[in-house]
Amino acid sequence: MRKLGVNVSRWKCDTVAHPLQEDTTSCGVFALKFAEHLLEGSSSLQFPTSNIDDLRREIATTIMTGSDCV
């Protein structure tokens, strides 16, 4: 980033506590849930991961509810 002229001296790298993906197929669910928490300004990236299918349904419902398709 420095080579592109971006002032990164004020940036801080840190690791935030977050749930870990335990399979090879739910990376999209995790990426969307992390994005959701960050966009909402949440100070935590924690969310329940005991039933990934419930999270998939929640994401699908959110997408369909916000869609203009009938």
PDB file of N, CA and C in Angstrom:
ATOM      1  N   MET A   1       0.820  -1.179   0.000  1.00  0.00           N
ATOM      2  CA  MET A   1       0.000   0.000   0.000  1.00  0.00           C
ATOM      3  C   MET A   1       0.873   1.255   0.000  1.00  0.00           C
ATOM      4  N   ARG A   2       2.001   1.168   0.693  1.00  0.00           N
ATOM      5  CA  ARG A   2       2.906   2.335   0.717  1.00  0.00           C
ATOM      6  C   ARG A   2       3.385   2.673  -0.691  1.00  0.00           C
ATOM      7  N   LYS A   3       3.649   1.651  -1.509  1.00  0.00           N
ATOM      8  CA  LYS A   3       4.099   1.876  -2.881  1.00  0.00           C
ATOM      9  C   LYS A   3       3.050   2.605  -3.705  1.00  0.00           C
ATOM     10  N   LEU A   4       1.769   2.470  -3.294  1.00  0.00           N
ATOM     11  CA  LEU A   4       0.682   3.161  -3.991  1.00  0.00           C
ATOM     12  C   LEU A   4       0.433   4.552  -3.425  1.00  0.00           C
ATOM     13  N   GLY A   5       1.215   4.939  -2.435  1.00  0.00           N
ATOM     14  CA  GLY A   5       1.072   6.267  -1.862  1.00  0.00           C
ATOM     15  C   GLY A   5       0.041   6.370  -0.757  1.00  0.00           C
ATOM     16  N   VAL A   6      -0.395   5.237  -0.239  1.00  0.00           N
ATOM     17  CA  VAL A   6      -1.388   5.240   0.842  1.00  0.00           C
ATOM     18  C   VAL A   6      -0.660   5.324   2.180  1.00  0.00           C
ATOM     19  N   ASN A   7      -1.077   6.260   3.022  1.00  0.00           N
ATOM     20  CA  ASN A   7      -0.477   6.437   4.336  1.00  0.00           C
ATOM     21  C   ASN A   7      -1.029   5.374   5.280  1.00  0.00           C
ATOM     22  N   VAL A   8      -0.241   4.339   5.503  1.00  0.00           N
ATOM     23  CA  VAL A   8      -0.712   3.241   6.348  1.00  0.00           C
ATOM     24  C   VAL A   8      -0.096   3.279   7.745  1.00  0.00           C
ATOM     25  N   SER A   9       0.649   4.324   8.052  1.00  0.00           N
ATOM     26  CA  SER A   9       1.323   4.371   9.347  1.00  0.00           C
ATOM     27  C   SER A   9       0.332   4.420  10.509  1.00  0.00           C
ATOM     28  N   ARG A  10      -0.889   4.884  10.275  1.00  0.00           N
ATOM     29  CA  ARG A  10      -1.867   4.960  11.348  1.00  0.00           C
ATOM     30  C   ARG A  10      -2.723   3.697  11.441  1.00  0.00           C
ATOM     31  N   TRP A  11      -2.532   2.763  10.537  1.00  0.00           N
ATOM     32  CA  TRP A  11      -3.293   1.522  10.556  1.00  0.00           C
ATOM     33  C   TRP A  11      -2.774   0.601  11.641  1.00  0.00           C
ATOM     34  N   LYS A  12      -3.689  -0.154  12.219  1.00  0.00           N
ATOM     35  CA  LYS A  12      -3.322  -1.103  13.260  1.00  0.00           C
ATOM     36  C   LYS A  12      -3.774  -2.492  12.829  1.00  0.00           C
ATOM     37  N   CYS A  13      -2.876  -3.425  12.853  1.00  0.00           N
ATOM     38  CA  CYS A  13      -3.227  -4.816  12.541  1.00  0.00           C
ATOM     39  C   CYS A  13      -3.505  -5.534  13.848  1.00  0.00           C
ATOM     40  N   ASP A  14      -4.599  -6.258  13.888  1.00  0.00           N
ATOM     41  CA  ASP A  14      -4.981  -6.946  15.108  1.00  0.00           C
ATOM     42  C   ASP A  14      -5.829  -8.145  14.728  1.00  0.00           C
ATOM     43  N   THR A  15      -5.961  -9.067  15.627  1.00  0.00           N
ATOM     44  CA  THR A  15      -6.831 -10.219  15.425  1.00  0.00           C
ATOM     45  C   THR A  15      -8.015 -10.075  16.360  1.00  0.00           C
ATOM     46  N   VAL A  16      -9.214 -10.199  15.809  1.00  0.00           N
ATOM     47  CA  VAL A  16     -10.440 -10.086  16.581  1.00  0.00           C
ATOM     48  C   VAL A  16     -10.987 -11.499  16.810  1.00  0.00           C
ATOM     49  N   ALA A  17     -11.464 -11.750  18.010  1.00  0.00           N
ATOM     50  CA  ALA A  17     -12.058 -13.057  18.299  1.00  0.00           C
ATOM     51  C   ALA A  17     -13.229 -13.299  17.358  1.00  0.00           C
ATOM     52  N   HIS A  18     -13.284 -14.497  16.789  1.00  0.00           N
ATOM     53  CA  HIS A  18     -14.336 -14.839  15.835  1.00  0.00           C
ATOM     54  C   HIS A  18     -14.512 -16.358  15.796  1.00  0.00           C
ATOM     55  N   PRO A  19     -15.694 -16.809  15.379  1.00  0.00           N
ATOM     56  CA  PRO A  19     -15.895 -18.257  15.266  1.00  0.00           C
ATOM     57  C   PRO A  19     -15.066 -18.803  14.102  1.00  0.00           C
ATOM     58  N   LEU A  20     -14.670 -20.050  14.225  1.00  0.00           N
ATOM     59  CA  LEU A  20     -13.869 -20.692  13.198  1.00  0.00           C
ATOM     60  C   LEU A  20     -14.717 -21.649  12.366  1.00  0.00           C
ATOM     61  N   GLN A  21     -14.490 -21.625  11.090  1.00  0.00           N
ATOM     62  CA  GLN A  21     -15.165 -22.539  10.172  1.00  0.00           C
ATOM     63  C   GLN A  21     -14.606 -23.941  10.398  1.00  0.00           C
ATOM     64  N   GLU A  22     -15.486 -24.917  10.546  1.00  0.00           N
ATOM     65  CA  GLU A  22     -15.044 -26.282  10.832  1.00  0.00           C
ATOM     66  C   GLU A  22     -15.320 -27.242   9.687  1.00  0.00           C
ATOM     67  N   ASP A  23     -15.728 -26.723   8.543  1.00  0.00           N
ATOM     68  CA  ASP A  23     -15.966 -27.576   7.388  1.00  0.00           C
ATOM     69  C   ASP A  23     -15.355 -26.922   6.153  1.00  0.00           C
ATOM     70  N   THR A  24     -15.608 -27.492   4.992  1.00  0.00           N
ATOM     71  CA  THR A  24     -15.028 -26.943   3.759  1.00  0.00           C
ATOM     72  C   THR A  24     -16.066 -26.270   2.879  1.00  0.00           C
ATOM     73  N   THR A  25     -17.283 -26.094   3.383  1.00  0.00           N
ATOM     74  CA  THR A  25     -18.349 -25.590   2.513  1.00  0.00           C
ATOM     75  C   THR A  25     -19.063 -24.338   3.013  1.00  0.00           C
ATOM     76  N   SER A  26     -18.736 -23.851   4.177  1.00  0.00           N
ATOM     77  CA  SER A  26     -19.496 -22.723   4.727  1.00  0.00           C
ATOM     78  C   SER A  26     -18.718 -21.409   4.738  1.00  0.00           C
ATOM     79  N   CYS A  27     -17.684 -21.293   3.911  1.00  0.00           N
ATOM     80  CA  CYS A  27     -16.880 -20.066   3.915  1.00  0.00           C
ATOM     81  C   CYS A  27     -17.717 -18.853   3.501  1.00  0.00           C
ATOM     82  N   GLY A  28     -18.654 -19.026   2.582  1.00  0.00           N
ATOM     83  CA  GLY A  28     -19.507 -17.921   2.168  1.00  0.00           C
ATOM     84  C   GLY A  28     -20.383 -17.428   3.304  1.00  0.00           C
ATOM     85  N   VAL A  29     -20.914 -18.355   4.077  1.00  0.00           N
ATOM     86  CA  VAL A  29     -21.744 -18.005   5.235  1.00  0.00           C
ATOM     87  C   VAL A  29     -20.916 -17.178   6.216  1.00  0.00           C
ATOM     88  N   PHE A  30     -19.700 -17.625   6.504  1.00  0.00           N
ATOM     89  CA  PHE A  30     -18.839 -16.901   7.440  1.00  0.00           C
ATOM     90  C   PHE A  30     -18.499 -15.521   6.900  1.00  0.00           C
ATOM     91  N   ALA A  31     -18.144 -15.435   5.615  1.00  0.00           N
ATOM     92  CA  ALA A  31     -17.794 -14.137   5.027  1.00  0.00           C
ATOM     93  C   ALA A  31     -18.972 -13.170   5.116  1.00  0.00           C
ATOM     94  N   LEU A  32     -20.185 -13.648   4.803  1.00  0.00           N
ATOM     95  CA  LEU A  32     -21.361 -12.781   4.862  1.00  0.00           C
ATOM     96  C   LEU A  32     -21.701 -12.363   6.286  1.00  0.00           C
ATOM     97  N   LYS A  33     -21.586 -13.270   7.237  1.00  0.00           N
ATOM     98  CA  LYS A  33     -21.879 -12.924   8.634  1.00  0.00           C
ATOM     99  C   LYS A  33     -20.836 -11.936   9.177  1.00  0.00           C
ATOM    100  N   PHE A  34     -19.553 -12.112   8.816  1.00  0.00           N
ATOM    101  CA  PHE A  34     -18.532 -11.152   9.241  1.00  0.00           C
ATOM    102  C   PHE A  34     -18.840  -9.784   8.643  1.00  0.00           C
ATOM    103  N   ALA A  35     -19.164  -9.746   7.353  1.00  0.00           N
ATOM    104  CA  ALA A  35     -19.485  -8.476   6.690  1.00  0.00           C
ATOM    105  C   ALA A  35     -20.690  -7.821   7.353  1.00  0.00           C
ATOM    106  N   GLU A  36     -21.715  -8.614   7.666  1.00  0.00           N
ATOM    107  CA  GLU A  36     -22.911  -8.081   8.314  1.00  0.00           C
ATOM    108  C   GLU A  36     -22.556  -7.402   9.640  1.00  0.00           C
ATOM    109  N   HIS A  37     -21.773  -8.081  10.454  1.00  0.00           N
ATOM    110  CA  HIS A  37     -21.396  -7.529  11.759  1.00  0.00           C
ATOM    111  C   HIS A  37     -20.570  -6.254  11.599  1.00  0.00           C
ATOM    112  N   LEU A  38     -19.643  -6.252  10.646  1.00  0.00           N
ATOM    113  CA  LEU A  38     -18.814  -5.063  10.430  1.00  0.00           C
ATOM    114  C   LEU A  38     -19.649  -3.895   9.926  1.00  0.00           C
ATOM    115  N   LEU A  39     -20.557  -4.147   8.983  1.00  0.00           N
ATOM    116  CA  LEU A  39     -21.390  -3.078   8.438  1.00  0.00           C
ATOM    117  C   LEU A  39     -22.362  -2.514   9.470  1.00  0.00           C
ATOM    118  N   GLU A  40     -22.787  -3.350  10.405  1.00  0.00           N
ATOM    119  CA  GLU A  40     -23.685  -2.893  11.471  1.00  0.00           C
ATOM    120  C   GLU A  40     -22.922  -2.162  12.579  1.00  0.00           C
ATOM    121  N   GLY A  41     -21.598  -2.148  12.489  1.00  0.00           N
ATOM    122  CA  GLY A  41     -20.794  -1.477  13.504  1.00  0.00           C
ATOM    123  C   GLY A  41     -20.663  -2.259  14.795  1.00  0.00           C
ATOM    124  N   SER A  42     -20.925  -3.549  14.738  1.00  0.00           N
ATOM    125  CA  SER A  42     -20.833  -4.390  15.929  1.00  0.00           C
ATOM    126  C   SER A  42     -19.393  -4.468  16.417  1.00  0.00           C
ATOM    127  N   SER A  43     -19.209  -4.469  17.716  1.00  0.00           N
ATOM    128  CA  SER A  43     -17.869  -4.590  18.282  1.00  0.00           C
ATOM    129  C   SER A  43     -17.443  -6.050  18.393  1.00  0.00           C
ATOM    130  N   SER A  44     -18.336  -6.957  18.038  1.00  0.00           N
ATOM    131  CA  SER A  44     -18.059  -8.384  18.138  1.00  0.00           C
ATOM    132  C   SER A  44     -18.349  -9.064  16.797  1.00  0.00           C
ATOM    133  N   LEU A  45     -17.533 -10.036  16.459  1.00  0.00           N
ATOM    134  CA  LEU A  45     -17.782 -10.840  15.251  1.00  0.00           C
ATOM    135  C   LEU A  45     -18.321 -12.213  15.620  1.00  0.00           C
ATOM    136  N   GLN A  46     -18.854 -12.339  16.809  1.00  0.00           N
ATOM    137  CA  GLN A  46     -19.372 -13.627  17.272  1.00  0.00           C
ATOM    138  C   GLN A  46     -20.785 -13.864  16.752  1.00  0.00           C
ATOM    139  N   PHE A  47     -21.051 -15.092  16.326  1.00  0.00           N
ATOM    140  CA  PHE A  47     -22.393 -15.517  15.945  1.00  0.00           C
ATOM    141  C   PHE A  47     -22.463 -17.028  16.128  1.00  0.00           C
ATOM    142  N   PRO A  48     -23.667 -17.557  16.348  1.00  0.00           N
ATOM    143  CA  PRO A  48     -23.787 -18.996  16.592  1.00  0.00           C
ATOM    144  C   PRO A  48     -23.458 -19.780  15.322  1.00  0.00           C
ATOM    145  N   THR A  49     -22.690 -20.847  15.478  1.00  0.00           N
ATOM    146  CA  THR A  49     -22.317 -21.667  14.325  1.00  0.00           C
ATOM    147  C   THR A  49     -22.762 -23.116  14.477  1.00  0.00           C
ATOM    148  N   SER A  50     -23.618 -23.373  15.452  1.00  0.00           N
ATOM    149  CA  SER A  50     -24.025 -24.756  15.703  1.00  0.00           C
ATOM    150  C   SER A  50     -24.888 -25.322  14.580  1.00  0.00           C
ATOM    151  N   ASN A  51     -25.596 -24.457  13.847  1.00  0.00           N
ATOM    152  CA  ASN A  51     -26.404 -24.941  12.735  1.00  0.00           C
ATOM    153  C   ASN A  51     -26.236 -24.001  11.535  1.00  0.00           C
ATOM    154  N   ILE A  52     -25.280 -24.318  10.699  1.00  0.00           N
ATOM    155  CA  ILE A  52     -24.970 -23.496   9.524  1.00  0.00           C
ATOM    156  C   ILE A  52     -26.176 -23.415   8.590  1.00  0.00           C
ATOM    157  N   ASP A  53     -26.981 -24.484   8.517  1.00  0.00           N
ATOM    158  CA  ASP A  53     -28.163 -24.447   7.643  1.00  0.00           C
ATOM    159  C   ASP A  53     -29.140 -23.354   8.064  1.00  0.00           C
ATOM    160  N   ASP A  54     -29.266 -23.096   9.371  1.00  0.00           N
ATOM    161  CA  ASP A  54     -30.114 -21.999   9.837  1.00  0.00           C
ATOM    162  C   ASP A  54     -29.569 -20.656   9.351  1.00  0.00           C
ATOM    163  N   LEU A  55     -28.251 -20.498   9.399  1.00  0.00           N
ATOM    164  CA  LEU A  55     -27.644 -19.263   8.907  1.00  0.00           C
ATOM    165  C   LEU A  55     -27.853 -19.114   7.401  1.00  0.00           C
ATOM    166  N   ARG A  56     -27.758 -20.217   6.657  1.00  0.00           N
ATOM    167  CA  ARG A  56     -28.006 -20.166   5.214  1.00  0.00           C
ATOM    168  C   ARG A  56     -29.438 -19.720   4.922  1.00  0.00           C
ATOM    169  N   ARG A  57     -30.399 -20.262   5.682  1.00  0.00           N
ATOM    170  CA  ARG A  57     -31.800 -19.863   5.501  1.00  0.00           C
ATOM    171  C   ARG A  57     -31.996 -18.387   5.837  1.00  0.00           C
ATOM    172  N   GLU A  58     -31.365 -17.927   6.909  1.00  0.00           N
ATOM    173  CA  GLU A  58     -31.453 -16.523   7.310  1.00  0.00           C
ATOM    174  C   GLU A  58     -30.903 -15.611   6.203  1.00  0.00           C
ATOM    175  N   ILE A  59     -29.770 -15.984   5.639  1.00  0.00           N
ATOM    176  CA  ILE A  59     -29.169 -15.202   4.556  1.00  0.00           C
ATOM    177  C   ILE A  59     -30.075 -15.204   3.331  1.00  0.00           C
ATOM    178  N   ALA A  60     -30.589 -16.365   2.965  1.00  0.00           N
ATOM    179  CA  ALA A  60     -31.478 -16.462   1.801  1.00  0.00           C
ATOM    180  C   ALA A  60     -32.734 -15.618   1.998  1.00  0.00           C
ATOM    181  N   THR A  61     -33.303 -15.668   3.199  1.00  0.00           N
ATOM    182  CA  THR A  61     -34.500 -14.881   3.499  1.00  0.00           C
ATOM    183  C   THR A  61     -34.207 -13.387   3.390  1.00  0.00           C
ATOM    184  N   THR A  62     -33.065 -12.966   3.915  1.00  0.00           N
ATOM    185  CA  THR A  62     -32.676 -11.555   3.836  1.00  0.00           C
ATOM    186  C   THR A  62     -32.523 -11.114   2.385  1.00  0.00           C
ATOM    187  N   ILE A  63     -31.880 -11.947   1.582  1.00  0.00           N
ATOM    188  CA  ILE A  63     -31.696 -11.604   0.160  1.00  0.00           C
ATOM    189  C   ILE A  63     -33.040 -11.543  -0.564  1.00  0.00           C
ATOM    190  N   MET A  64     -33.885 -12.522  -0.336  1.00  0.00           N
ATOM    191  CA  MET A  64     -35.176 -12.564  -1.027  1.00  0.00           C
ATOM    192  C   MET A  64     -36.085 -11.433  -0.568  1.00  0.00           C
ATOM    193  N   THR A  65     -36.049 -11.094   0.704  1.00  0.00           N
ATOM    194  CA  THR A  65     -36.880 -10.009   1.223  1.00  0.00           C
ATOM    195  C   THR A  65     -36.473  -8.671   0.618  1.00  0.00           C
ATOM    196  N   GLY A  66     -35.200  -8.488   0.386  1.00  0.00           N
ATOM    197  CA  GLY A  66     -34.707  -7.251  -0.172  1.00  0.00           C
ATOM    198  C   GLY A  66     -34.730  -7.208  -1.691  1.00  0.00           C
ATOM    199  N   SER A  67     -35.178  -8.278  -2.322  1.00  0.00           N
ATOM    200  CA  SER A  67     -35.179  -8.367  -3.777  1.00  0.00           C
ATOM    201  C   SER A  67     -36.411  -7.711  -4.381  1.00  0.00           C
ATOM    202  N   ASP A  68     -36.272  -7.182  -5.583  1.00  0.00           N
ATOM    203  CA  ASP A  68     -37.413  -6.606  -6.315  1.00  0.00           C
ATOM    204  C   ASP A  68     -38.153  -7.661  -7.125  1.00  0.00           C
ATOM    205  N   CYS A  69     -37.596  -8.860  -7.203  1.00  0.00           N
ATOM    206  CA  CYS A  69     -38.228  -9.932  -7.978  1.00  0.00           C
ATOM    207  C   CYS A  69     -39.512 -10.391  -7.298  1.00  0.00           C
ATOM    208  N   VAL A  70     -40.491 -10.693  -8.109  1.00  0.00           N
ATOM    209  CA  VAL A  70     -41.773 -11.154  -7.569  1.00  0.00           C
ATOM    210  C   VAL A  70     -41.950 -12.614  -7.862  1.00  0.00           C
TER     211      VAL A  70
END
